[in-house]
Amino acid sequence: MDLLIPGSGLFIWQLVGFLVLFFLLSKFAWRPILDALKVREMSIQEALESAESAKAEMAKLQADNKKLLEEARIERDAILKEALTAANAIREEAKEEATKIGNKMIADAKAVIATEKNAALNELKNHVATLSIDIAEKVIRKNLSSDKAQKDMVEELVKDIKVN
C-alpha cells in the first residue's frame, strides 16, 4: 500500500517544485505565450475580415461584370440590328438604282433602234426611188423609141387623167 499512497515529504517537495515552476512560468513564459496567442488571434481575425471583405468585393465585381456583359450584349444587339437595317436599305437602294439604270439603257437602246430603223427606211426609200426612176427611165426610153409608141403613151396618160 505504500506504493499507492505517497509520503508526506515527497508530497511537499513536489508541491514546492510545482509552485516554483508555476511561479517561474507565470513570471517569464505565460505572458509571452499569451501575447503570442493574442497576436495570432488578431492576425487570424484580420485574415477572416480581409477574406470577408475580399469575398464581398468579389461578389460586387461579379455583379458589375454581369451588368457590363448585359449592357454589352444589348449594345451588340442594337448595333447588329442597325447594321442589318442599313444593309437592307443599301440593298434596296442599289436594286432601285440598277432598275433605273436598266430602264434607261433599254429606253436608250429603243431610241437608237428607232433612229437606226428610220434612217434605214429613209435610205431604203431613197434607194427604191432611185431604182424606180432608173427603171422608169429605161422603160420609157425603150418604149418611146418610136413616134407611134410616144403618141400611144401620151393618149393613155390623157385617158387616165380624165378617168380620175
C-alpha atoms as a PDB file:
ATOM      1  CA  MET A   1       0.000   0.000   0.000  1.00  0.00           C
ATOM      2  CA  ASP A   2       2.927   2.266   0.411  1.00  0.00           C
ATOM      3  CA  LEU A   3       3.208   2.317  -3.288  1.00  0.00           C
ATOM      4  CA  LEU A   4      -0.227   3.752  -3.761  1.00  0.00           C
ATOM      5  CA  ILE A   5      -0.041   6.499  -1.174  1.00  0.00           C
ATOM      6  CA  PRO A   6       2.926   8.830  -1.492  1.00  0.00           C
ATOM      7  CA  GLY A   7       4.794  10.009   1.542  1.00  0.00           C
ATOM      8  CA  SER A   8       4.159  13.463   3.008  1.00  0.00           C
ATOM      9  CA  GLY A   9       7.745  14.624   2.398  1.00  0.00           C
ATOM     10  CA  LEU A  10       7.597  13.710  -1.226  1.00  0.00           C
ATOM     11  CA  PHE A  11       4.272  15.414  -1.481  1.00  0.00           C
ATOM     12  CA  ILE A  12       5.618  18.653  -0.007  1.00  0.00           C
ATOM     13  CA  TRP A  13       8.679  18.664  -2.261  1.00  0.00           C
ATOM     14  CA  GLN A  14       6.541  18.030  -5.274  1.00  0.00           C
ATOM     15  CA  LEU A  15       4.233  20.858  -4.193  1.00  0.00           C
ATOM     16  CA  VAL A  16       7.194  23.208  -3.675  1.00  0.00           C
ATOM     17  CA  GLY A  17       8.660  22.217  -7.054  1.00  0.00           C
ATOM     18  CA  PHE A  18       5.297  22.753  -8.714  1.00  0.00           C
ATOM     19  CA  LEU A  19       4.860  26.169  -7.074  1.00  0.00           C
ATOM     20  CA  VAL A  20       8.378  27.250  -8.103  1.00  0.00           C
ATOM     21  CA  LEU A  21       7.799  26.032 -11.612  1.00  0.00           C
ATOM     22  CA  PHE A  22       4.379  27.732 -11.654  1.00  0.00           C
ATOM     23  CA  PHE A  23       5.924  30.985 -10.398  1.00  0.00           C
ATOM     24  CA  LEU A  24       8.725  30.866 -12.975  1.00  0.00           C
ATOM     25  CA  LEU A  25       6.354  30.006 -15.808  1.00  0.00           C
ATOM     26  CA  SER A  26       3.893  32.732 -14.808  1.00  0.00           C
ATOM     27  CA  LYS A  27       6.699  35.262 -14.430  1.00  0.00           C
ATOM     28  CA  PHE A  28       8.621  34.534 -17.634  1.00  0.00           C
ATOM     29  CA  ALA A  29       6.716  32.235 -20.018  1.00  0.00           C
ATOM     30  CA  TRP A  30       2.988  32.806 -19.681  1.00  0.00           C
ATOM     31  CA  ARG A  31       2.955  36.467 -20.703  1.00  0.00           C
ATOM     32  CA  PRO A  32       4.921  35.899 -23.964  1.00  0.00           C
ATOM     33  CA  ILE A  33       2.818  32.792 -24.684  1.00  0.00           C
ATOM     34  CA  LEU A  34      -0.430  34.712 -24.048  1.00  0.00           C
ATOM     35  CA  ASP A  35       0.858  37.695 -26.083  1.00  0.00           C
ATOM     36  CA  ALA A  36       1.788  35.370 -28.953  1.00  0.00           C
ATOM     37  CA  LEU A  37      -1.642  33.738 -28.761  1.00  0.00           C
ATOM     38  CA  LYS A  38      -3.292  37.183 -28.747  1.00  0.00           C
ATOM     39  CA  VAL A  39      -1.221  38.283 -31.753  1.00  0.00           C
ATOM     40  CA  ARG A  40      -2.078  35.030 -33.519  1.00  0.00           C
ATOM     41  CA  GLU A  41      -5.771  35.509 -32.691  1.00  0.00           C
ATOM     42  CA  MET A  42      -5.647  39.089 -34.032  1.00  0.00           C
ATOM     43  CA  SER A  43      -3.919  38.024 -37.263  1.00  0.00           C
ATOM     44  CA  ILE A  44      -6.490  35.254 -37.765  1.00  0.00           C
ATOM     45  CA  GLN A  45      -9.300  37.760 -37.104  1.00  0.00           C
ATOM     46  CA  GLU A  46      -7.770  40.231 -39.581  1.00  0.00           C
ATOM     47  CA  ALA A  47      -7.351  37.451 -42.140  1.00  0.00           C
ATOM     48  CA  LEU A  48     -11.011  36.474 -41.694  1.00  0.00           C
ATOM     49  CA  GLU A  49     -12.118  40.097 -42.014  1.00  0.00           C
ATOM     50  CA  SER A  50      -9.976  40.637 -45.125  1.00  0.00           C
ATOM     51  CA  ALA A  51     -11.333  37.372 -46.569  1.00  0.00           C
ATOM     52  CA  GLU A  52     -14.890  38.589 -45.910  1.00  0.00           C
ATOM     53  CA  SER A  53     -14.143  41.963 -47.497  1.00  0.00           C
ATOM     54  CA  ALA A  54     -12.460  40.217 -50.450  1.00  0.00           C
ATOM     55  CA  LYS A  55     -15.494  37.962 -50.793  1.00  0.00           C
ATOM     56  CA  ALA A  56     -17.810  40.982 -50.719  1.00  0.00           C
ATOM     57  CA  GLU A  57     -15.593  42.790 -53.242  1.00  0.00           C
ATOM     58  CA  MET A  58     -15.571  39.705 -55.461  1.00  0.00           C
ATOM     59  CA  ALA A  59     -19.368  39.493 -55.323  1.00  0.00           C
ATOM     60  CA  LYS A  60     -19.568  43.204 -56.195  1.00  0.00           C
ATOM     61  CA  LEU A  61     -17.148  42.729 -59.110  1.00  0.00           C
ATOM     62  CA  GLN A  62     -19.136  39.742 -60.356  1.00  0.00           C
ATOM     63  CA  ALA A  63     -22.333  41.780 -60.218  1.00  0.00           C
ATOM     64  CA  ASP A  64     -20.597  44.619 -62.078  1.00  0.00           C
ATOM     65  CA  ASN A  65     -19.264  42.148 -64.654  1.00  0.00           C
ATOM     66  CA  LYS A  66     -22.732  40.685 -65.189  1.00  0.00           C
ATOM     67  CA  LYS A  67     -24.137  44.187 -65.583  1.00  0.00           C
ATOM     68  CA  LEU A  68     -21.393  45.162 -68.050  1.00  0.00           C
ATOM     69  CA  LEU A  69     -21.885  41.936 -70.009  1.00  0.00           C
ATOM     70  CA  GLU A  70     -25.620  42.527 -70.219  1.00  0.00           C
ATOM     71  CA  GLU A  71     -25.072  46.132 -71.360  1.00  0.00           C
ATOM     72  CA  ALA A  72     -22.518  44.955 -73.939  1.00  0.00           C
ATOM     73  CA  ARG A  73     -24.948  42.280 -75.162  1.00  0.00           C
ATOM     74  CA  ILE A  74     -27.731  44.853 -75.504  1.00  0.00           C
ATOM     75  CA  GLU A  75     -25.415  47.270 -77.298  1.00  0.00           C
ATOM     76  CA  ARG A  76     -24.190  44.481 -79.609  1.00  0.00           C
ATOM     77  CA  ASP A  77     -27.784  43.544 -80.453  1.00  0.00           C
ATOM     78  CA  ALA A  78     -28.620  47.183 -81.172  1.00  0.00           C
ATOM     79  CA  ILE A  79     -25.554  47.572 -83.402  1.00  0.00           C
ATOM     80  CA  LEU A  80     -26.371  44.351 -85.270  1.00  0.00           C
ATOM     81  CA  LYS A  81     -29.970  45.452 -85.756  1.00  0.00           C
ATOM     82  CA  GLU A  82     -28.837  48.851 -87.021  1.00  0.00           C
ATOM     83  CA  ALA A  83     -26.295  47.244 -89.362  1.00  0.00           C
ATOM     84  CA  LEU A  84     -28.935  44.876 -90.713  1.00  0.00           C
ATOM     85  CA  THR A  85     -31.320  47.777 -91.324  1.00  0.00           C
ATOM     86  CA  ALA A  86     -28.573  49.760 -93.052  1.00  0.00           C
ATOM     87  CA  ALA A  87     -27.621  46.751 -95.196  1.00  0.00           C
ATOM     88  CA  ASN A  88     -31.237  46.246 -96.237  1.00  0.00           C
ATOM     89  CA  ALA A  89     -31.570  49.936 -97.081  1.00  0.00           C
ATOM     90  CA  ILE A  90     -28.366  49.865 -99.140  1.00  0.00           C
ATOM     91  CA  ARG A  91     -29.507  46.694-100.910  1.00  0.00           C
ATOM     92  CA  GLU A  92     -32.900  48.249-101.757  1.00  0.00           C
ATOM     93  CA  GLU A  93     -31.248  51.464-102.906  1.00  0.00           C
ATOM     94  CA  ALA A  94     -28.820  49.530-105.113  1.00  0.00           C
ATOM     95  CA  LYS A  95     -31.706  47.470-106.512  1.00  0.00           C
ATOM     96  CA  GLU A  96     -33.681  50.624-107.365  1.00  0.00           C
ATOM     97  CA  GLU A  97     -30.606  52.245-108.897  1.00  0.00           C
ATOM     98  CA  ALA A  98     -29.919  49.140-111.003  1.00  0.00           C
ATOM     99  CA  THR A  99     -33.552  49.091-112.138  1.00  0.00           C
ATOM    100  CA  LYS A 100     -33.365  52.784-113.088  1.00  0.00           C
ATOM    101  CA  ILE A 101     -30.116  52.255-114.983  1.00  0.00           C
ATOM    102  CA  GLY A 102     -31.536  49.179-116.732  1.00  0.00           C
ATOM    103  CA  ASN A 103     -34.692  51.028-117.735  1.00  0.00           C
ATOM    104  CA  LYS A 104     -32.638  53.963-119.012  1.00  0.00           C
ATOM    105  CA  MET A 105     -30.402  51.627-121.019  1.00  0.00           C
ATOM    106  CA  ILE A 106     -33.465  49.909-122.506  1.00  0.00           C
ATOM    107  CA  ALA A 107     -35.039  53.278-123.383  1.00  0.00           C
ATOM    108  CA  ASP A 108     -31.770  54.482-124.934  1.00  0.00           C
ATOM    109  CA  ALA A 109     -31.448  51.254-126.906  1.00  0.00           C
ATOM    110  CA  LYS A 110     -35.028  51.556-128.125  1.00  0.00           C
ATOM    111  CA  ALA A 111     -34.386  55.154-129.177  1.00  0.00           C
ATOM    112  CA  VAL A 112     -31.208  54.140-131.023  1.00  0.00           C
ATOM    113  CA  ILE A 113     -33.035  51.245-132.690  1.00  0.00           C
ATOM    114  CA  ALA A 114     -35.887  53.550-133.744  1.00  0.00           C
ATOM    115  CA  THR A 115     -33.421  56.108-135.114  1.00  0.00           C
ATOM    116  CA  GLU A 116     -31.477  53.439-136.985  1.00  0.00           C
ATOM    117  CA  LYS A 117     -34.725  51.937-138.302  1.00  0.00           C
ATOM    118  CA  ASN A 118     -35.933  55.320-139.559  1.00  0.00           C
ATOM    119  CA  ALA A 119     -32.570  56.006-141.133  1.00  0.00           C
ATOM    120  CA  ALA A 120     -32.572  52.564-142.794  1.00  0.00           C
ATOM    121  CA  LEU A 121     -36.160  53.068-144.022  1.00  0.00           C
ATOM    122  CA  ASN A 122     -35.300  56.510-145.416  1.00  0.00           C
ATOM    123  CA  GLU A 123     -32.229  55.110-147.099  1.00  0.00           C
ATOM    124  CA  LEU A 124     -34.275  52.208-148.479  1.00  0.00           C
ATOM    125  CA  LYS A 125     -36.964  54.618-149.741  1.00  0.00           C
ATOM    126  CA  ASN A 126     -34.328  56.761-151.429  1.00  0.00           C
ATOM    127  CA  HIS A 127     -32.722  53.703-152.952  1.00  0.00           C
ATOM    128  CA  VAL A 128     -36.099  52.332-154.116  1.00  0.00           C
ATOM    129  CA  ALA A 129     -36.997  55.755-155.548  1.00  0.00           C
ATOM    130  CA  THR A 130     -33.670  55.933-157.359  1.00  0.00           C
ATOM    131  CA  LEU A 131     -34.115  52.407-158.701  1.00  0.00           C
ATOM    132  CA  SER A 132     -37.699  53.179-159.718  1.00  0.00           C
ATOM    133  CA  ILE A 133     -36.597  56.283-161.577  1.00  0.00           C
ATOM    134  CA  ASP A 134     -33.802  54.367-163.261  1.00  0.00           C
ATOM    135  CA  ILE A 135     -36.169  51.553-164.259  1.00  0.00           C
ATOM    136  CA  ALA A 136     -38.827  54.006-165.425  1.00  0.00           C
ATOM    137  CA  GLU A 137     -36.245  55.906-167.435  1.00  0.00           C
ATOM    138  CA  LYS A 138     -35.029  52.711-169.083  1.00  0.00           C
ATOM    139  CA  VAL A 139     -38.601  51.508-169.760  1.00  0.00           C
ATOM    140  CA  ILE A 140     -39.628  54.862-171.157  1.00  0.00           C
ATOM    141  CA  ARG A 141     -36.566  55.059-173.395  1.00  0.00           C
ATOM    142  CA  LYS A 142     -37.211  51.599-174.705  1.00  0.00           C
ATOM    143  CA  ASN A 143     -40.968  52.100-175.154  1.00  0.00           C
ATOM    144  CA  LEU A 144     -40.737  55.580-176.535  1.00  0.00           C
ATOM    145  CA  SER A 145     -38.058  54.910-179.052  1.00  0.00           C
ATOM    146  CA  SER A 146     -40.609  55.204-181.852  1.00  0.00           C
ATOM    147  CA  ASP A 147     -43.041  58.068-182.582  1.00  0.00           C
ATOM    148  CA  LYS A 148     -46.096  55.804-182.572  1.00  0.00           C
ATOM    149  CA  ALA A 149     -45.204  54.458-179.088  1.00  0.00           C
ATOM    150  CA  GLN A 150     -44.828  58.012-177.810  1.00  0.00           C
ATOM    151  CA  LYS A 151     -48.234  59.021-179.161  1.00  0.00           C
ATOM    152  CA  ASP A 152     -49.894  55.923-177.703  1.00  0.00           C
ATOM    153  CA  MET A 153     -48.368  56.632-174.319  1.00  0.00           C
ATOM    154  CA  VAL A 154     -49.496  60.237-174.331  1.00  0.00           C
ATOM    155  CA  GLU A 155     -53.027  59.214-175.255  1.00  0.00           C
ATOM    156  CA  GLU A 156     -53.100  56.593-172.494  1.00  0.00           C
ATOM    157  CA  LEU A 157     -51.903  59.150-169.918  1.00  0.00           C
ATOM    158  CA  VAL A 158     -54.563  61.577-171.039  1.00  0.00           C
ATOM    159  CA  LYS A 159     -57.246  58.921-170.652  1.00  0.00           C
ATOM    160  CA  ASP A 160     -56.026  58.160-167.135  1.00  0.00           C
ATOM    161  CA  ILE A 161     -56.150  61.825-166.239  1.00  0.00           C
ATOM    162  CA  LYS A 162     -59.726  62.162-167.416  1.00  0.00           C
ATOM    163  CA  VAL A 163     -60.849  58.972-165.752  1.00  0.00           C
ATOM    164  CA  ASN A 164     -59.582  60.039-162.335  1.00  0.00           C
END
